Amino acid sequence: MLDFSPWNALLQQYVNDAGCVHYSAWQEESLESLKSWLVKVESLDLPTSCPSEVQLAYWINLYNAGVIFQVLERYPIASIFPRFFNIPNGLSFWRFFSRRILSQGRYSLNQIEHQILRRKFQEPRIHFALVCAARGCPLLRNQAYYPDTVFEQLEADALRFIQNPQKVRYDSVTHTLYCSKILKWYGKDFLNVAPSVPDYLHRYLQPEITWDTQPRLVYLEYDWSLNQQSFSP
């Protein structure tokens, strides 16, 4: 049986409202708890006939927990960028680290994202929920995704991301829309549901932000530093 409550409790304990993680405390106190939960969840034989909301919650939680677990095993680190890891042949964080899913075989984080979540669900809002442990990513929720609320959670994630000026902002003087490179990397997914990236973003921007012609798109530099909590000495 799917039980996301252990993952939810860990998020509540170690992730603040800004989506930043207390990695040192989590590593010291509860790394084994996360590992134990991952083993249980991965051993579930999740039927492909499960409702989409069940599968979405399962895979998003598994992806985010897998990312956090890999960081905790290697903390302290400054970034999840590949050069900070001793990874053979330069394989990336997402391709190298994998999870063994009982009914699915072995899947890397990259495969969970691209071969399962993107391909199967055609849901662009996942890009505001999947977290790579970098500050440029969406904010990590301090609660798990649940089947009965996952679509509402994804909608709230999209709103929070797009209304965050560090991720998306519009300059009316220069008629320029500055946005995260996530909108560039996964532009195809957004274009499946909107005529253009600006049109997609406009759904979530503050009502007073309007334009008559398509704004110029400029993609912001991506911050690969670790999404850890900052502490004063």
C-alpha atoms as a PDB file:
ATOM      1  CA  MET A   1       0.000   0.000   0.000  1.00  0.00           C
ATOM      2  CA  LEU A   2       1.230   3.484  -0.886  1.00  0.00           C
ATOM      3  CA  ASP A   3       2.094   5.433   2.233  1.00  0.00           C
ATOM      4  CA  PHE A   4       3.561   8.884   1.690  1.00  0.00           C
ATOM      5  CA  SER A   5       3.276   9.930   5.338  1.00  0.00           C
ATOM      6  CA  PRO A   6       6.924   9.082   6.276  1.00  0.00           C
ATOM      7  CA  TRP A   7       8.188  11.211   3.379  1.00  0.00           C
ATOM      8  CA  ASN A   8       5.730  13.956   4.312  1.00  0.00           C
ATOM      9  CA  ALA A   9       6.967  13.938   7.930  1.00  0.00           C
ATOM     10  CA  LEU A  10      10.607  14.247   6.819  1.00  0.00           C
ATOM     11  CA  LEU A  11       9.761  17.166   4.529  1.00  0.00           C
ATOM     12  CA  GLN A  12       7.893  18.890   7.347  1.00  0.00           C
ATOM     13  CA  GLN A  13      10.871  18.460   9.647  1.00  0.00           C
ATOM     14  CA  TYR A  14      13.755  19.444   7.368  1.00  0.00           C
ATOM     15  CA  VAL A  15      12.357  21.740   4.641  1.00  0.00           C
ATOM     16  CA  ASN A  16      11.271  25.303   5.352  1.00  0.00           C
ATOM     17  CA  ASP A  17       8.562  27.351   3.643  1.00  0.00           C
ATOM     18  CA  ALA A  18      11.141  28.744   1.205  1.00  0.00           C
ATOM     19  CA  GLY A  19      11.895  25.232  -0.059  1.00  0.00           C
ATOM     20  CA  CYS A  20      15.361  25.115   1.496  1.00  0.00           C
ATOM     21  CA  VAL A  21      16.657  21.953   3.138  1.00  0.00           C
ATOM     22  CA  HIS A  22      18.454  21.486   6.468  1.00  0.00           C
ATOM     23  CA  TYR A  23      20.750  18.846   4.972  1.00  0.00           C
ATOM     24  CA  SER A  24      23.172  18.545   7.882  1.00  0.00           C
ATOM     25  CA  ALA A  25      20.419  17.783  10.401  1.00  0.00           C
ATOM     26  CA  TRP A  26      18.620  15.440   8.007  1.00  0.00           C
ATOM     27  CA  GLN A  27      21.843  13.573   7.268  1.00  0.00           C
ATOM     28  CA  GLU A  28      22.694  13.187  10.944  1.00  0.00           C
ATOM     29  CA  GLU A  29      19.238  12.334  12.234  1.00  0.00           C
ATOM     30  CA  SER A  30      17.118  10.742   9.527  1.00  0.00           C
ATOM     31  CA  LEU A  31      19.117   9.510   6.531  1.00  0.00           C
ATOM     32  CA  GLU A  32      18.266   5.908   7.378  1.00  0.00           C
ATOM     33  CA  SER A  33      14.582   6.792   7.744  1.00  0.00           C
ATOM     34  CA  LEU A  34      14.534   8.162   4.211  1.00  0.00           C
ATOM     35  CA  LYS A  35      16.457   5.163   2.901  1.00  0.00           C
ATOM     36  CA  SER A  36      14.032   2.770   4.570  1.00  0.00           C
ATOM     37  CA  TRP A  37      11.018   4.549   3.102  1.00  0.00           C
ATOM     38  CA  LEU A  38      12.558   4.577  -0.382  1.00  0.00           C
ATOM     39  CA  VAL A  39      13.179   0.835  -0.226  1.00  0.00           C
ATOM     40  CA  LYS A  40       9.542   0.207   0.730  1.00  0.00           C
ATOM     41  CA  VAL A  41       8.132   2.486  -1.951  1.00  0.00           C
ATOM     42  CA  GLU A  42      10.401   1.095  -4.651  1.00  0.00           C
ATOM     43  CA  SER A  43       9.369  -2.452  -3.796  1.00  0.00           C
ATOM     44  CA  LEU A  44       5.705  -1.752  -4.515  1.00  0.00           C
ATOM     45  CA  ASP A  45       4.327  -3.324  -7.662  1.00  0.00           C
ATOM     46  CA  LEU A  46       2.404  -0.285  -8.890  1.00  0.00           C
ATOM     47  CA  PRO A  47      -0.029  -1.430 -11.609  1.00  0.00           C
ATOM     48  CA  THR A  48      -0.060   0.660 -14.767  1.00  0.00           C
ATOM     49  CA  SER A  49      -3.845   0.565 -14.483  1.00  0.00           C
ATOM     50  CA  CYS A  50      -3.724   2.773 -11.372  1.00  0.00           C
ATOM     51  CA  PRO A  51      -5.486   6.130 -11.770  1.00  0.00           C
ATOM     52  CA  SER A  52      -3.247   8.853 -13.169  1.00  0.00           C
ATOM     53  CA  GLU A  53      -3.352  10.832  -9.931  1.00  0.00           C
ATOM     54  CA  VAL A  54      -1.956   7.844  -8.005  1.00  0.00           C
ATOM     55  CA  GLN A  55       0.855   7.340 -10.479  1.00  0.00           C
ATOM     56  CA  LEU A  56       1.679  11.053 -10.614  1.00  0.00           C
ATOM     57  CA  ALA A  57       1.951  11.326  -6.846  1.00  0.00           C
ATOM     58  CA  TYR A  58       4.047   8.165  -6.709  1.00  0.00           C
ATOM     59  CA  TRP A  59       6.586   9.189  -9.354  1.00  0.00           C
ATOM     60  CA  ILE A  60       6.934  12.831  -8.265  1.00  0.00           C
ATOM     61  CA  ASN A  61       7.507  11.826  -4.647  1.00  0.00           C
ATOM     62  CA  LEU A  62       9.926   9.095  -5.678  1.00  0.00           C
ATOM     63  CA  TYR A  63      11.902  11.447  -7.927  1.00  0.00           C
ATOM     64  CA  ASN A  64      12.227  14.200  -5.320  1.00  0.00           C
ATOM     65  CA  ALA A  65      13.060  11.748  -2.536  1.00  0.00           C
ATOM     66  CA  GLY A  66      15.659  10.090  -4.755  1.00  0.00           C
ATOM     67  CA  VAL A  67      17.342  13.427  -5.427  1.00  0.00           C
ATOM     68  CA  ILE A  68      17.409  14.368  -1.748  1.00  0.00           C
ATOM     69  CA  PHE A  69      18.740  10.955  -0.752  1.00  0.00           C
ATOM     70  CA  GLN A  70      21.625  11.194  -3.235  1.00  0.00           C
ATOM     71  CA  VAL A  71      22.558  14.623  -1.884  1.00  0.00           C
ATOM     72  CA  LEU A  72      22.358  13.471   1.732  1.00  0.00           C
ATOM     73  CA  GLU A  73      24.697  10.561   1.024  1.00  0.00           C
ATOM     74  CA  ARG A  74      27.317  13.012  -0.294  1.00  0.00           C
ATOM     75  CA  TYR A  75      26.739  16.084   1.849  1.00  0.00           C
ATOM     76  CA  PRO A  76      28.432  18.511   2.422  1.00  0.00           C
ATOM     77  CA  ILE A  77      28.558  19.621  -1.190  1.00  0.00           C
ATOM     78  CA  ALA A  78      28.174  23.052  -2.759  1.00  0.00           C
ATOM     79  CA  SER A  79      26.169  22.025  -5.811  1.00  0.00           C
ATOM     80  CA  ILE A  80      24.609  19.070  -7.599  1.00  0.00           C
ATOM     81  CA  PHE A  81      26.387  20.081 -10.800  1.00  0.00           C
ATOM     82  CA  PRO A  82      28.228  17.001 -12.165  1.00  0.00           C
ATOM     83  CA  ARG A  83      31.735  18.345 -11.697  1.00  0.00           C
ATOM     84  CA  PHE A  84      31.240  18.304  -7.930  1.00  0.00           C
ATOM     85  CA  PHE A  85      30.760  14.521  -7.975  1.00  0.00           C
ATOM     86  CA  ASN A  86      33.302  11.804  -8.671  1.00  0.00           C
ATOM     87  CA  ILE A  87      31.192  10.251 -11.420  1.00  0.00           C
ATOM     88  CA  PRO A  88      32.787   7.858 -13.950  1.00  0.00           C
ATOM     89  CA  ASN A  89      32.880   9.040 -17.554  1.00  0.00           C
ATOM     90  CA  GLY A  90      31.327  12.373 -16.643  1.00  0.00           C
ATOM     91  CA  LEU A  91      27.826  10.915 -16.430  1.00  0.00           C
ATOM     92  CA  SER A  92      25.361  13.373 -14.982  1.00  0.00           C
ATOM     93  CA  PHE A  93      23.719  13.325 -11.584  1.00  0.00           C
ATOM     94  CA  TRP A  94      20.407  12.363 -13.172  1.00  0.00           C
ATOM     95  CA  ARG A  95      21.729   9.581 -15.399  1.00  0.00           C
ATOM     96  CA  PHE A  96      24.181   7.962 -13.029  1.00  0.00           C
ATOM     97  CA  PHE A  97      22.121   7.606  -9.865  1.00  0.00           C
ATOM     98  CA  SER A  98      19.239   5.199 -10.306  1.00  0.00           C
ATOM     99  CA  ARG A  99      16.436   3.606  -8.367  1.00  0.00           C
ATOM    100  CA  ARG A 100      15.367  -0.028  -8.714  1.00  0.00           C
ATOM    101  CA  ILE A 101      11.596  -0.101  -9.084  1.00  0.00           C
ATOM    102  CA  LEU A 102      10.248  -3.617  -8.628  1.00  0.00           C
ATOM    103  CA  SER A 103       7.731  -3.654 -11.461  1.00  0.00           C
ATOM    104  CA  GLN A 104       9.627  -1.266 -13.720  1.00  0.00           C
ATOM    105  CA  GLY A 105      13.262  -2.401 -13.585  1.00  0.00           C
ATOM    106  CA  ARG A 106      16.070   0.074 -12.898  1.00  0.00           C
ATOM    107  CA  TYR A 107      15.349   3.712 -13.675  1.00  0.00           C
ATOM    108  CA  SER A 108      17.625   6.700 -13.355  1.00  0.00           C
ATOM    109  CA  LEU A 109      16.253  10.023 -12.226  1.00  0.00           C
ATOM    110  CA  ASN A 110      16.574  11.138 -15.829  1.00  0.00           C
ATOM    111  CA  GLN A 111      14.460   8.217 -17.025  1.00  0.00           C
ATOM    112  CA  ILE A 112      11.794   8.773 -14.372  1.00  0.00           C
ATOM    113  CA  GLU A 113      11.438  12.351 -15.569  1.00  0.00           C
ATOM    114  CA  HIS A 114      11.635  11.865 -19.331  1.00  0.00           C
ATOM    115  CA  GLN A 115      10.440   8.340 -20.016  1.00  0.00           C
ATOM    116  CA  ILE A 116       7.679   8.163 -17.430  1.00  0.00           C
ATOM    117  CA  LEU A 117       6.479  11.544 -16.209  1.00  0.00           C
ATOM    118  CA  ARG A 118       6.908  13.597 -19.382  1.00  0.00           C
ATOM    119  CA  ARG A 119       6.034  10.913 -21.903  1.00  0.00           C
ATOM    120  CA  LYS A 120       3.100   9.300 -20.114  1.00  0.00           C
ATOM    121  CA  PHE A 121       1.313  12.186 -18.440  1.00  0.00           C
ATOM    122  CA  GLN A 122       1.847  15.142 -20.816  1.00  0.00           C
ATOM    123  CA  GLU A 123       1.568  17.413 -17.774  1.00  0.00           C
ATOM    124  CA  PRO A 124       3.826  20.490 -18.041  1.00  0.00           C
ATOM    125  CA  ARG A 125       3.199  21.505 -14.440  1.00  0.00           C
ATOM    126  CA  ILE A 126       5.497  18.679 -13.293  1.00  0.00           C
ATOM    127  CA  HIS A 127       8.353  21.042 -14.161  1.00  0.00           C
ATOM    128  CA  PHE A 128       7.301  23.212 -11.222  1.00  0.00           C
ATOM    129  CA  ALA A 129       7.276  20.198  -8.878  1.00  0.00           C
ATOM    130  CA  LEU A 130      10.372  18.150  -9.748  1.00  0.00           C
ATOM    131  CA  VAL A 131      13.324  19.371  -7.728  1.00  0.00           C
ATOM    132  CA  CYS A 132      17.007  18.870  -8.578  1.00  0.00           C
ATOM    133  CA  ALA A 133      18.296  20.266  -5.239  1.00  0.00           C
ATOM    134  CA  ALA A 134      19.543  23.487  -6.839  1.00  0.00           C
ATOM    135  CA  ARG A 135      18.349  26.995  -6.042  1.00  0.00           C
ATOM    136  CA  GLY A 136      17.382  27.487  -9.667  1.00  0.00           C
ATOM    137  CA  CYS A 137      14.885  24.626  -9.394  1.00  0.00           C
ATOM    138  CA  PRO A 138      11.312  24.954  -8.252  1.00  0.00           C
ATOM    139  CA  LEU A 139      10.985  25.245  -4.485  1.00  0.00           C
ATOM    140  CA  LEU A 140      10.790  21.905  -2.720  1.00  0.00           C
ATOM    141  CA  ARG A 141       7.409  21.517  -1.060  1.00  0.00           C
ATOM    142  CA  ASN A 142       7.561  20.730   2.634  1.00  0.00           C
ATOM    143  CA  GLN A 143       4.774  18.236   2.116  1.00  0.00           C
ATOM    144  CA  ALA A 144       4.331  15.117   0.006  1.00  0.00           C
ATOM    145  CA  TYR A 145       2.141  14.891  -3.077  1.00  0.00           C
ATOM    146  CA  TYR A 146      -1.037  12.879  -2.497  1.00  0.00           C
ATOM    147  CA  PRO A 147      -3.319  11.334  -5.120  1.00  0.00           C
ATOM    148  CA  ASP A 148      -6.402  13.235  -3.970  1.00  0.00           C
ATOM    149  CA  THR A 149      -4.657  16.618  -4.107  1.00  0.00           C
ATOM    150  CA  VAL A 150      -1.840  16.222  -6.664  1.00  0.00           C
ATOM    151  CA  PHE A 151      -3.487  18.282  -9.415  1.00  0.00           C
ATOM    152  CA  GLU A 152      -4.293  21.113  -7.011  1.00  0.00           C
ATOM    153  CA  GLN A 153      -0.722  20.934  -5.706  1.00  0.00           C
ATOM    154  CA  LEU A 154       0.686  21.141  -9.220  1.00  0.00           C
ATOM    155  CA  GLU A 155      -1.474  24.167  -9.975  1.00  0.00           C
ATOM    156  CA  ALA A 156      -0.259  25.855  -6.789  1.00  0.00           C
ATOM    157  CA  ASP A 157       3.341  24.963  -7.725  1.00  0.00           C
ATOM    158  CA  ALA A 158       2.930  26.595 -11.132  1.00  0.00           C
ATOM    159  CA  LEU A 159       1.492  29.740  -9.563  1.00  0.00           C
ATOM    160  CA  ARG A 160       4.247  29.948  -6.940  1.00  0.00           C
ATOM    161  CA  PHE A 161       7.000  29.458  -9.509  1.00  0.00           C
ATOM    162  CA  ILE A 162       5.706  31.884 -12.122  1.00  0.00           C
ATOM    163  CA  GLN A 163       4.825  34.614  -9.616  1.00  0.00           C
ATOM    164  CA  ASN A 164       8.315  34.407  -8.103  1.00  0.00           C
ATOM    165  CA  PRO A 165      10.329  37.287  -9.656  1.00  0.00           C
ATOM    166  CA  GLN A 166      13.516  35.254  -9.266  1.00  0.00           C
ATOM    167  CA  LYS A 167      12.038  32.789 -11.778  1.00  0.00           C
ATOM    168  CA  VAL A 168       9.771  34.918 -13.969  1.00  0.00           C
ATOM    169  CA  ARG A 169       9.373  38.680 -14.278  1.00  0.00           C
ATOM    170  CA  TYR A 170       8.120  41.106 -16.909  1.00  0.00           C
ATOM    171  CA  ASP A 171       9.742  44.443 -17.706  1.00  0.00           C
ATOM    172  CA  SER A 172       7.042  46.642 -19.238  1.00  0.00           C
ATOM    173  CA  VAL A 173       9.551  49.345 -20.211  1.00  0.00           C
ATOM    174  CA  THR A 174      11.620  47.071 -22.445  1.00  0.00           C
ATOM    175  CA  HIS A 175       8.708  44.700 -23.154  1.00  0.00           C
ATOM    176  CA  THR A 176      10.877  41.807 -22.027  1.00  0.00           C
ATOM    177  CA  LEU A 177       9.800  38.646 -20.253  1.00  0.00           C
ATOM    178  CA  TYR A 178      12.609  37.232 -18.159  1.00  0.00           C
ATOM    179  CA  CYS A 179      12.125  33.611 -17.214  1.00  0.00           C
ATOM    180  CA  SER A 180      13.840  30.521 -15.888  1.00  0.00           C
ATOM    181  CA  LYS A 181      15.660  28.281 -18.330  1.00  0.00           C
ATOM    182  CA  ILE A 182      13.221  25.564 -17.315  1.00  0.00           C
ATOM    183  CA  LEU A 183      10.812  27.239 -19.736  1.00  0.00           C
ATOM    184  CA  LYS A 184      13.464  26.898 -22.455  1.00  0.00           C
ATOM    185  CA  TRP A 185      14.609  23.355 -21.706  1.00  0.00           C
ATOM    186  CA  TYR A 186      11.036  22.045 -21.608  1.00  0.00           C
ATOM    187  CA  GLY A 187       9.479  24.531 -24.005  1.00  0.00           C
ATOM    188  CA  LYS A 188       7.950  21.751 -26.089  1.00  0.00           C
ATOM    189  CA  ASP A 189       5.868  20.585 -23.115  1.00  0.00           C
ATOM    190  CA  PHE A 190       4.424  24.057 -22.554  1.00  0.00           C
ATOM    191  CA  LEU A 191       3.716  24.482 -26.249  1.00  0.00           C
ATOM    192  CA  ASN A 192       1.541  21.367 -26.107  1.00  0.00           C
ATOM    193  CA  VAL A 193      -0.978  23.322 -24.048  1.00  0.00           C
ATOM    194  CA  ALA A 194      -0.387  26.960 -25.091  1.00  0.00           C
ATOM    195  CA  PRO A 195       0.443  28.807 -28.339  1.00  0.00           C
ATOM    196  CA  SER A 196       3.687  30.185 -26.884  1.00  0.00           C
ATOM    197  CA  VAL A 197       5.735  30.279 -23.693  1.00  0.00           C
ATOM    198  CA  PRO A 198       4.589  33.868 -22.934  1.00  0.00           C
ATOM    199  CA  ASP A 199       0.977  32.789 -23.414  1.00  0.00           C
ATOM    200  CA  TYR A 200       1.473  29.937 -20.962  1.00  0.00           C
ATOM    201  CA  LEU A 201       3.116  32.188 -18.374  1.00  0.00           C
ATOM    202  CA  HIS A 202       0.486  34.879 -18.764  1.00  0.00           C
ATOM    203  CA  ARG A 203      -2.131  32.541 -17.285  1.00  0.00           C
ATOM    204  CA  TYR A 204      -0.337  32.720 -13.944  1.00  0.00           C
ATOM    205  CA  LEU A 205       1.091  36.243 -13.867  1.00  0.00           C
ATOM    206  CA  GLN A 206      -0.543  38.972 -11.817  1.00  0.00           C
ATOM    207  CA  PRO A 207      -3.716  40.255 -13.555  1.00  0.00           C
ATOM    208  CA  GLU A 208      -2.268  43.747 -14.017  1.00  0.00           C
ATOM    209  CA  ILE A 209       0.554  42.368 -16.179  1.00  0.00           C
ATOM    210  CA  THR A 210      -0.645  42.529 -19.782  1.00  0.00           C
ATOM    211  CA  TRP A 211       0.806  42.993 -23.246  1.00  0.00           C
ATOM    212  CA  ASP A 212      -0.628  43.584 -26.725  1.00  0.00           C
ATOM    213  CA  THR A 213       2.208  41.936 -28.646  1.00  0.00           C
ATOM    214  CA  GLN A 214       4.413  39.022 -27.711  1.00  0.00           C
ATOM    215  CA  PRO A 215       7.244  40.161 -25.415  1.00  0.00           C
ATOM    216  CA  ARG A 216      10.884  39.410 -26.023  1.00  0.00           C
ATOM    217  CA  LEU A 217      12.002  36.327 -24.113  1.00  0.00           C
ATOM    218  CA  VAL A 218      15.230  36.397 -22.117  1.00  0.00           C
ATOM    219  CA  TYR A 219      16.253  33.368 -20.087  1.00  0.00           C
ATOM    220  CA  LEU A 220      17.795  33.922 -16.675  1.00  0.00           C
ATOM    221  CA  GLU A 221      21.048  32.351 -15.528  1.00  0.00           C
ATOM    222  CA  TYR A 222      20.398  29.120 -13.681  1.00  0.00           C
ATOM    223  CA  ASP A 223      21.598  28.909 -10.093  1.00  0.00           C
ATOM    224  CA  TRP A 224      23.122  25.446  -9.550  1.00  0.00           C
ATOM    225  CA  SER A 225      24.103  26.053  -5.924  1.00  0.00           C
ATOM    226  CA  LEU A 226      22.598  23.674  -3.386  1.00  0.00           C
ATOM    227  CA  ASN A 227      19.141  24.538  -2.035  1.00  0.00           C
ATOM    228  CA  GLN A 228      20.327  24.322   1.539  1.00  0.00           C
ATOM    229  CA  GLN A 229      19.207  26.483   4.410  1.00  0.00           C
ATOM    230  CA  SER A 230      21.515  29.332   5.350  1.00  0.00           C
ATOM    231  CA  PHE A 231      22.614  29.614   8.939  1.00  0.00           C
ATOM    232  CA  SER A 232      24.078  32.572  10.781  1.00  0.00           C
ATOM    233  CA  PRO A 233      27.307  31.891  12.754  1.00  0.00           C
END
